[in-house]
């Protein structure tokens, strides 16, 4: 998927140095941090074509990465086909509003259609008004569900 200034493509091994600041920016936005081992593991998973986690990146015409999205399909109790969880979406602050976020989401939707996944879903924090404005335009608004999470304390190296 492309626009005059940006294109979305598969991430590749040589993108690690540019992907990492995007990933760190995403974590910082959510006031989180992860051990380097977890980031390294995520990168290994993204680079493994047999692993379910996928990554697409948005690049400017000069090749600089300006955004990224991580997503993966999984089974669902209500459908025969998989659904897709859009896990992480980040666009550099100076680029927001240029359509890159929508391009990244559209790329995931295109992958879902090609793979015959039945739906794409994601969540964000309630105070993330800039992203929520885009998400509301794309989806027509929330589905009315509220997210609950319990940390069971089994996360190593976090």
N, C-alpha and C. Protein backbone atom coordinates (compact mmCIF):
# COMPACT_ATOMS: atom_id res chain seq x y z
N UNK A 1 0.86 -1.16 0.00
CA UNK A 1 0.00 0.00 0.00
C UNK A 1 0.91 1.23 0.00
N UNK A 2 0.55 2.21 -0.81
CA UNK A 2 1.40 3.38 -0.93
C UNK A 2 0.58 4.67 -0.96
N UNK A 3 1.23 5.73 -0.62
CA UNK A 3 0.72 7.08 -0.84
C UNK A 3 1.86 7.82 -1.53
N UNK A 4 1.66 9.07 -1.94
CA UNK A 4 2.76 9.76 -2.61
C UNK A 4 4.05 9.84 -1.79
N UNK A 5 3.93 9.87 -0.47
CA UNK A 5 5.12 10.06 0.37
C UNK A 5 5.55 8.83 1.16
N UNK A 6 4.67 7.81 1.28
CA UNK A 6 4.94 6.67 2.14
C UNK A 6 4.49 5.38 1.49
N UNK A 7 5.17 4.31 1.85
CA UNK A 7 4.73 2.99 1.41
C UNK A 7 4.80 2.04 2.59
N UNK A 8 3.91 1.07 2.61
CA UNK A 8 3.90 0.04 3.64
C UNK A 8 4.44 -1.23 3.00
N UNK A 9 5.33 -1.90 3.71
CA UNK A 9 5.96 -3.11 3.19
C UNK A 9 6.29 -4.06 4.32
N UNK A 10 6.66 -5.27 3.94
CA UNK A 10 7.16 -6.23 4.91
C UNK A 10 8.43 -5.69 5.54
N UNK A 11 8.60 -5.96 6.81
CA UNK A 11 9.84 -5.61 7.48
C UNK A 11 10.91 -6.63 7.05
N UNK A 12 12.16 -6.22 7.04
CA UNK A 12 13.23 -7.16 6.73
C UNK A 12 14.37 -7.00 7.73
N UNK A 13 15.27 -7.95 7.71
CA UNK A 13 16.35 -8.01 8.70
C UNK A 13 17.13 -6.69 8.78
N UNK A 14 17.35 -6.04 7.66
CA UNK A 14 18.13 -4.80 7.66
C UNK A 14 17.38 -3.62 8.28
N UNK A 15 16.10 -3.80 8.63
CA UNK A 15 15.31 -2.73 9.23
C UNK A 15 15.45 -2.64 10.75
N UNK A 16 16.17 -3.57 11.37
CA UNK A 16 16.22 -3.63 12.83
C UNK A 16 16.62 -2.30 13.46
N UNK A 17 17.62 -1.65 12.94
CA UNK A 17 18.10 -0.41 13.55
C UNK A 17 17.04 0.69 13.49
N UNK A 18 16.19 0.69 12.47
CA UNK A 18 15.14 1.70 12.37
C UNK A 18 13.84 1.24 13.06
N UNK A 19 13.61 -0.06 13.10
CA UNK A 19 12.41 -0.59 13.77
C UNK A 19 12.50 -0.36 15.28
N UNK A 20 13.68 -0.55 15.85
CA UNK A 20 13.83 -0.46 17.30
C UNK A 20 13.36 0.88 17.88
N UNK A 21 13.72 2.04 17.31
CA UNK A 21 13.20 3.30 17.86
C UNK A 21 11.67 3.41 17.75
N UNK A 22 11.08 2.82 16.72
CA UNK A 22 9.61 2.80 16.62
C UNK A 22 9.02 1.98 17.75
N UNK A 23 9.60 0.81 17.98
CA UNK A 23 9.14 -0.06 19.06
C UNK A 23 9.30 0.62 20.41
N UNK A 24 10.44 1.25 20.62
CA UNK A 24 10.68 1.94 21.89
C UNK A 24 9.72 3.13 22.05
N UNK A 25 9.44 3.83 20.96
CA UNK A 25 8.47 4.92 21.00
C UNK A 25 7.08 4.42 21.37
N UNK A 26 6.71 3.27 20.85
CA UNK A 26 5.42 2.67 21.18
C UNK A 26 5.37 2.36 22.68
N UNK A 27 6.42 1.71 23.18
CA UNK A 27 6.46 1.36 24.60
C UNK A 27 6.42 2.62 25.47
N UNK A 28 7.17 3.63 25.07
CA UNK A 28 7.21 4.89 25.82
C UNK A 28 5.82 5.54 25.85
N UNK A 29 5.12 5.52 24.72
CA UNK A 29 3.78 6.10 24.66
C UNK A 29 2.88 5.45 25.72
N UNK A 30 3.02 4.13 25.88
CA UNK A 30 2.22 3.41 26.86
C UNK A 30 2.89 3.33 28.23
N UNK A 31 3.90 4.16 28.43
CA UNK A 31 4.62 4.26 29.70
C UNK A 31 5.06 2.87 30.17
N UNK A 32 5.65 2.13 29.25
CA UNK A 32 6.12 0.77 29.52
C UNK A 32 7.57 0.64 29.12
N UNK A 33 8.17 -0.37 29.63
CA UNK A 33 9.51 -0.74 29.19
C UNK A 33 9.61 -2.25 29.27
N UNK A 34 10.46 -2.80 28.44
CA UNK A 34 10.68 -4.24 28.42
C UNK A 34 12.17 -4.51 28.45
N UNK A 35 12.53 -5.64 28.99
CA UNK A 35 13.93 -6.05 28.97
C UNK A 35 14.36 -6.24 27.52
N UNK A 36 15.63 -5.98 27.26
CA UNK A 36 16.17 -6.14 25.91
C UNK A 36 15.91 -7.55 25.37
N UNK A 37 15.92 -8.54 26.26
CA UNK A 37 15.70 -9.93 25.83
C UNK A 37 14.31 -10.11 25.22
N UNK A 38 13.33 -9.39 25.73
CA UNK A 38 11.97 -9.49 25.21
C UNK A 38 11.89 -8.82 23.84
N UNK A 39 12.53 -7.67 23.71
CA UNK A 39 12.57 -7.00 22.41
C UNK A 39 13.29 -7.87 21.39
N UNK A 40 14.40 -8.48 21.80
CA UNK A 40 15.13 -9.38 20.90
C UNK A 40 14.27 -10.58 20.51
N UNK A 41 13.52 -11.11 21.46
CA UNK A 41 12.63 -12.24 21.17
C UNK A 41 11.54 -11.83 20.18
N UNK A 42 10.95 -10.65 20.38
CA UNK A 42 9.95 -10.16 19.44
C UNK A 42 10.54 -10.06 18.05
N UNK A 43 11.73 -9.50 17.94
CA UNK A 43 12.36 -9.36 16.63
C UNK A 43 12.58 -10.73 15.99
N UNK A 44 13.05 -11.68 16.78
CA UNK A 44 13.26 -13.04 16.25
C UNK A 44 11.94 -13.62 15.74
N UNK A 45 10.87 -13.41 16.49
CA UNK A 45 9.56 -13.91 16.07
C UNK A 45 9.11 -13.25 14.77
N UNK A 46 9.29 -11.94 14.68
CA UNK A 46 8.90 -11.22 13.47
C UNK A 46 9.69 -11.74 12.26
N UNK A 47 10.95 -12.04 12.46
CA UNK A 47 11.81 -12.49 11.36
C UNK A 47 11.58 -13.95 10.99
N UNK A 48 10.91 -14.71 11.84
CA UNK A 48 10.65 -16.13 11.60
C UNK A 48 9.37 -16.28 10.78
N UNK A 49 9.46 -16.67 9.51
CA UNK A 49 8.26 -16.77 8.68
C UNK A 49 7.26 -17.81 9.19
N UNK A 50 7.70 -18.72 10.04
CA UNK A 50 6.80 -19.74 10.59
C UNK A 50 6.06 -19.24 11.83
N UNK A 51 6.51 -18.13 12.39
CA UNK A 51 5.84 -17.61 13.59
C UNK A 51 4.64 -16.77 13.19
N UNK A 52 3.61 -16.78 14.04
CA UNK A 52 2.36 -16.08 13.70
C UNK A 52 2.47 -14.56 13.76
N UNK A 53 3.37 -14.01 14.56
CA UNK A 53 3.47 -12.56 14.65
C UNK A 53 4.07 -12.01 13.35
N UNK A 54 3.37 -11.03 12.78
CA UNK A 54 3.80 -10.41 11.55
C UNK A 54 4.04 -8.92 11.78
N UNK A 55 4.87 -8.34 10.95
CA UNK A 55 5.16 -6.91 11.06
C UNK A 55 5.18 -6.30 9.67
N UNK A 56 4.58 -5.12 9.58
CA UNK A 56 4.71 -4.29 8.40
C UNK A 56 5.23 -2.94 8.86
N UNK A 57 5.99 -2.31 8.01
CA UNK A 57 6.53 -1.00 8.33
C UNK A 57 6.12 0.00 7.25
N UNK A 58 6.01 1.25 7.65
CA UNK A 58 5.77 2.34 6.72
C UNK A 58 7.09 3.07 6.54
N UNK A 59 7.43 3.32 5.29
CA UNK A 59 8.70 3.99 4.98
C UNK A 59 8.41 5.22 4.14
N UNK A 60 9.20 6.26 4.37
CA UNK A 60 9.12 7.45 3.53
C UNK A 60 9.83 7.16 2.21
N UNK A 61 9.67 8.07 1.27
CA UNK A 61 10.30 7.89 -0.04
C UNK A 61 11.82 7.74 0.04
N UNK A 62 12.42 8.30 1.10
CA UNK A 62 13.87 8.17 1.26
C UNK A 62 14.29 6.90 2.00
N UNK A 63 13.30 6.05 2.32
CA UNK A 63 13.60 4.76 2.96
C UNK A 63 13.57 4.77 4.46
N UNK A 64 13.38 5.92 5.08
CA UNK A 64 13.33 5.97 6.54
C UNK A 64 11.99 5.43 7.05
N UNK A 65 12.06 4.59 8.08
CA UNK A 65 10.84 4.04 8.66
C UNK A 65 10.14 5.09 9.51
N UNK A 66 8.83 5.21 9.34
CA UNK A 66 8.05 6.20 10.06
C UNK A 66 6.92 5.57 10.87
N UNK A 67 6.69 4.27 10.69
CA UNK A 67 5.62 3.60 11.43
C UNK A 67 5.75 2.10 11.32
N UNK A 68 5.05 1.41 12.23
CA UNK A 68 5.07 -0.05 12.22
C UNK A 68 3.77 -0.57 12.80
N UNK A 69 3.44 -1.81 12.42
CA UNK A 69 2.29 -2.51 12.97
C UNK A 69 2.66 -3.97 13.17
N UNK A 70 2.26 -4.52 14.31
CA UNK A 70 2.43 -5.95 14.61
C UNK A 70 1.04 -6.56 14.72
N UNK A 71 0.86 -7.74 14.16
CA UNK A 71 -0.44 -8.39 14.21
C UNK A 71 -0.26 -9.89 14.07
N UNK A 72 -1.30 -10.63 14.46
CA UNK A 72 -1.23 -12.08 14.32
C UNK A 72 -2.63 -12.69 14.32
N UNK A 73 -2.81 -13.76 13.55
CA UNK A 73 -4.08 -14.46 13.55
C UNK A 73 -4.14 -15.45 14.71
N UNK A 74 -5.33 -15.77 15.12
CA UNK A 74 -5.52 -16.82 16.12
C UNK A 74 -6.91 -17.40 16.01
N UNK A 75 -7.09 -18.58 16.57
CA UNK A 75 -8.39 -19.24 16.56
C UNK A 75 -9.37 -18.46 17.43
N UNK A 76 -10.64 -18.65 17.14
CA UNK A 76 -11.70 -17.97 17.88
C UNK A 76 -12.80 -19.00 18.15
N UNK A 77 -13.42 -18.89 19.29
CA UNK A 77 -14.46 -19.86 19.66
C UNK A 77 -15.75 -19.70 18.86
N UNK A 78 -15.97 -18.56 18.25
CA UNK A 78 -17.22 -18.30 17.53
C UNK A 78 -17.13 -18.51 16.03
N UNK A 79 -15.92 -18.67 15.49
CA UNK A 79 -15.75 -18.74 14.04
C UNK A 79 -14.91 -19.95 13.64
N UNK A 80 -15.17 -20.43 12.45
CA UNK A 80 -14.34 -21.50 11.90
C UNK A 80 -12.99 -20.95 11.44
N UNK A 81 -12.99 -19.72 10.91
CA UNK A 81 -11.76 -19.11 10.43
C UNK A 81 -11.09 -18.33 11.57
N UNK A 82 -9.80 -18.10 11.43
CA UNK A 82 -9.09 -17.29 12.44
C UNK A 82 -9.57 -15.84 12.43
N UNK A 83 -9.30 -15.16 13.52
CA UNK A 83 -9.44 -13.72 13.63
C UNK A 83 -8.04 -13.15 13.73
N UNK A 84 -7.90 -11.84 13.60
CA UNK A 84 -6.59 -11.21 13.63
C UNK A 84 -6.56 -10.15 14.72
N UNK A 85 -5.57 -10.25 15.58
CA UNK A 85 -5.36 -9.23 16.61
C UNK A 85 -4.27 -8.28 16.14
N UNK A 86 -4.62 -7.01 16.01
CA UNK A 86 -3.66 -5.96 15.70
C UNK A 86 -3.09 -5.54 17.05
N UNK A 87 -1.91 -6.01 17.35
CA UNK A 87 -1.34 -5.88 18.69
C UNK A 87 -0.69 -4.52 18.94
N UNK A 88 0.11 -4.03 18.01
CA UNK A 88 0.87 -2.80 18.22
C UNK A 88 0.82 -1.96 16.94
N UNK A 89 0.55 -0.69 17.09
CA UNK A 89 0.56 0.25 15.97
C UNK A 89 1.23 1.52 16.45
N UNK A 90 2.23 1.98 15.69
CA UNK A 90 2.93 3.20 16.08
C UNK A 90 3.36 3.96 14.84
N UNK A 91 3.15 5.26 14.88
CA UNK A 91 3.60 6.17 13.84
C UNK A 91 4.36 7.30 14.54
N UNK A 92 5.49 7.69 13.98
CA UNK A 92 6.27 8.78 14.57
C UNK A 92 5.38 10.00 14.78
N UNK A 93 5.52 10.67 15.93
CA UNK A 93 4.66 11.81 16.23
C UNK A 93 4.63 12.88 15.14
N UNK A 94 5.75 13.20 14.53
CA UNK A 94 5.79 14.23 13.50
C UNK A 94 5.11 13.85 12.20
N UNK A 95 4.76 12.59 12.04
CA UNK A 95 4.15 12.08 10.81
C UNK A 95 2.64 11.87 10.99
N UNK A 96 2.18 11.84 12.23
CA UNK A 96 0.76 11.57 12.49
C UNK A 96 -0.12 12.56 11.76
N UNK A 97 -1.23 12.07 11.24
CA UNK A 97 -2.15 12.90 10.48
C UNK A 97 -1.90 12.85 8.99
N UNK A 98 -0.83 12.19 8.56
CA UNK A 98 -0.49 12.10 7.13
C UNK A 98 -1.07 10.85 6.47
N UNK A 99 -1.85 10.06 7.22
CA UNK A 99 -2.47 8.88 6.65
C UNK A 99 -1.70 7.59 6.84
N UNK A 100 -0.56 7.64 7.51
CA UNK A 100 0.27 6.45 7.69
C UNK A 100 -0.42 5.42 8.58
N UNK A 101 -1.03 5.86 9.66
CA UNK A 101 -1.74 4.93 10.54
C UNK A 101 -2.82 4.18 9.80
N UNK A 102 -3.59 4.89 9.00
CA UNK A 102 -4.66 4.24 8.22
C UNK A 102 -4.06 3.27 7.21
N UNK A 103 -2.96 3.65 6.59
CA UNK A 103 -2.30 2.75 5.64
C UNK A 103 -1.87 1.46 6.32
N UNK A 104 -1.32 1.57 7.52
CA UNK A 104 -0.88 0.38 8.25
C UNK A 104 -2.07 -0.50 8.60
N UNK A 105 -3.15 0.10 9.08
CA UNK A 105 -4.35 -0.67 9.41
C UNK A 105 -4.93 -1.30 8.15
N UNK A 106 -5.00 -0.56 7.06
CA UNK A 106 -5.52 -1.11 5.81
C UNK A 106 -4.69 -2.29 5.33
N UNK A 107 -3.39 -2.26 5.57
CA UNK A 107 -2.52 -3.37 5.19
C UNK A 107 -2.88 -4.63 5.98
N UNK A 108 -3.18 -4.46 7.26
CA UNK A 108 -3.60 -5.60 8.08
C UNK A 108 -4.95 -6.12 7.59
N UNK A 109 -5.86 -5.23 7.28
CA UNK A 109 -7.17 -5.64 6.76
C UNK A 109 -7.00 -6.39 5.44
N UNK A 110 -6.13 -5.91 4.57
CA UNK A 110 -5.87 -6.60 3.31
C UNK A 110 -5.32 -8.00 3.55
N UNK A 111 -4.39 -8.13 4.50
CA UNK A 111 -3.84 -9.45 4.83
C UNK A 111 -4.95 -10.36 5.35
N UNK A 112 -5.83 -9.82 6.18
CA UNK A 112 -6.94 -10.61 6.71
C UNK A 112 -7.85 -11.11 5.59
N UNK A 113 -8.14 -10.25 4.64
CA UNK A 113 -8.99 -10.67 3.51
C UNK A 113 -8.29 -11.75 2.69
N UNK A 114 -7.01 -11.56 2.42
CA UNK A 114 -6.26 -12.54 1.62
C UNK A 114 -6.17 -13.89 2.31
N UNK A 115 -6.02 -13.87 3.64
CA UNK A 115 -5.88 -15.12 4.39
C UNK A 115 -7.22 -15.69 4.86
N UNK A 116 -8.30 -14.96 4.56
CA UNK A 116 -9.65 -15.36 4.95
C UNK A 116 -9.83 -15.41 6.47
N UNK A 117 -9.19 -14.45 7.16
CA UNK A 117 -9.46 -14.26 8.58
C UNK A 117 -10.78 -13.51 8.67
N UNK A 118 -11.59 -13.81 9.64
CA UNK A 118 -12.96 -13.29 9.67
C UNK A 118 -13.07 -11.87 10.22
N UNK A 119 -12.15 -11.44 11.05
CA UNK A 119 -12.19 -10.07 11.55
C UNK A 119 -10.82 -9.64 12.03
N UNK A 120 -10.64 -8.33 12.12
CA UNK A 120 -9.46 -7.71 12.70
C UNK A 120 -9.94 -6.88 13.88
N UNK A 121 -9.26 -7.00 15.01
CA UNK A 121 -9.64 -6.21 16.18
C UNK A 121 -8.40 -5.73 16.91
N UNK A 122 -8.60 -4.70 17.71
CA UNK A 122 -7.52 -4.13 18.52
C UNK A 122 -8.13 -3.30 19.63
N UNK A 123 -7.30 -2.84 20.54
CA UNK A 123 -7.76 -1.93 21.58
C UNK A 123 -6.69 -0.87 21.83
N UNK A 124 -7.12 0.20 22.46
CA UNK A 124 -6.21 1.28 22.82
C UNK A 124 -6.69 1.86 24.14
N UNK A 125 -5.87 2.68 24.75
CA UNK A 125 -6.28 3.33 25.99
C UNK A 125 -7.34 4.38 25.71
N UNK A 126 -8.24 4.57 26.66
CA UNK A 126 -9.35 5.49 26.47
C UNK A 126 -8.89 6.93 26.24
N UNK A 127 -7.76 7.32 26.79
CA UNK A 127 -7.27 8.70 26.64
C UNK A 127 -6.50 8.93 25.33
N UNK A 128 -6.35 7.91 24.51
CA UNK A 128 -5.60 8.05 23.26
C UNK A 128 -6.52 8.64 22.18
N UNK A 129 -6.87 9.91 22.36
CA UNK A 129 -7.91 10.55 21.54
C UNK A 129 -7.51 10.69 20.07
N UNK A 130 -6.24 10.92 19.78
CA UNK A 130 -5.82 11.07 18.39
C UNK A 130 -6.03 9.75 17.65
N UNK A 131 -5.55 8.66 18.23
CA UNK A 131 -5.73 7.36 17.59
C UNK A 131 -7.20 6.97 17.55
N UNK A 132 -7.92 7.22 18.63
CA UNK A 132 -9.33 6.85 18.66
C UNK A 132 -10.14 7.57 17.59
N UNK A 133 -9.78 8.79 17.27
CA UNK A 133 -10.45 9.50 16.20
C UNK A 133 -10.29 8.76 14.87
N UNK A 134 -9.07 8.31 14.58
CA UNK A 134 -8.82 7.53 13.37
C UNK A 134 -9.59 6.21 13.43
N UNK A 135 -9.50 5.51 14.56
CA UNK A 135 -10.16 4.21 14.69
C UNK A 135 -11.67 4.33 14.52
N UNK A 136 -12.24 5.40 15.07
CA UNK A 136 -13.69 5.61 14.92
C UNK A 136 -14.06 5.83 13.45
N UNK A 137 -13.21 6.55 12.71
CA UNK A 137 -13.48 6.76 11.28
C UNK A 137 -13.42 5.44 10.51
N UNK A 138 -12.44 4.62 10.84
CA UNK A 138 -12.25 3.36 10.12
C UNK A 138 -13.35 2.36 10.46
N UNK A 139 -13.71 2.26 11.75
CA UNK A 139 -14.61 1.19 12.19
C UNK A 139 -16.05 1.64 12.42
N UNK A 140 -16.27 2.92 12.53
CA UNK A 140 -17.60 3.40 12.89
C UNK A 140 -17.81 3.50 14.39
N UNK A 141 -16.77 3.23 15.18
CA UNK A 141 -16.85 3.34 16.64
C UNK A 141 -16.56 2.02 17.32
N UNK A 142 -16.49 2.06 18.62
CA UNK A 142 -16.17 0.86 19.39
C UNK A 142 -17.29 -0.16 19.29
N UNK A 143 -16.97 -1.39 19.64
CA UNK A 143 -17.97 -2.45 19.62
C UNK A 143 -18.71 -2.56 20.95
N UNK A 144 -18.41 -1.67 21.88
CA UNK A 144 -19.11 -1.65 23.16
C UNK A 144 -18.49 -2.52 24.24
N UNK A 145 -17.46 -3.29 23.88
CA UNK A 145 -16.82 -4.14 24.88
C UNK A 145 -15.80 -3.35 25.67
N UNK A 146 -15.61 -3.73 26.91
CA UNK A 146 -14.61 -3.14 27.79
C UNK A 146 -13.56 -4.20 28.05
N UNK A 147 -12.31 -3.82 27.99
CA UNK A 147 -11.20 -4.75 28.15
C UNK A 147 -10.83 -4.91 29.63
N UNK A 148 -10.66 -6.14 30.08
CA UNK A 148 -10.17 -6.44 31.43
C UNK A 148 -8.92 -7.28 31.31
N UNK A 149 -7.95 -7.02 32.15
CA UNK A 149 -6.69 -7.75 32.11
C UNK A 149 -6.27 -8.11 33.53
N UNK A 150 -5.78 -9.33 33.70
CA UNK A 150 -5.20 -9.76 34.98
C UNK A 150 -3.77 -10.18 34.71
N UNK A 151 -2.83 -9.57 35.38
CA UNK A 151 -1.43 -9.95 35.30
C UNK A 151 -1.22 -11.12 36.25
N UNK A 152 -0.93 -12.31 35.70
CA UNK A 152 -0.75 -13.48 36.55
C UNK A 152 0.69 -13.68 36.97
N UNK A 153 1.56 -12.73 36.63
CA UNK A 153 2.93 -12.74 37.15
C UNK A 153 3.85 -13.76 36.57
N UNK A 154 3.54 -14.31 35.42
CA UNK A 154 4.41 -15.32 34.81
C UNK A 154 5.27 -14.77 33.69
N UNK A 155 5.44 -13.48 33.62
CA UNK A 155 6.20 -12.87 32.53
C UNK A 155 7.65 -12.72 32.93
N UNK A 156 8.49 -13.49 32.29
CA UNK A 156 9.93 -13.43 32.56
C UNK A 156 10.55 -12.23 31.84
N UNK A 157 11.57 -11.67 32.42
CA UNK A 157 12.40 -10.62 31.82
C UNK A 157 11.62 -9.36 31.46
N UNK A 158 10.57 -9.07 32.16
CA UNK A 158 9.82 -7.85 31.88
C UNK A 158 10.32 -6.77 32.71
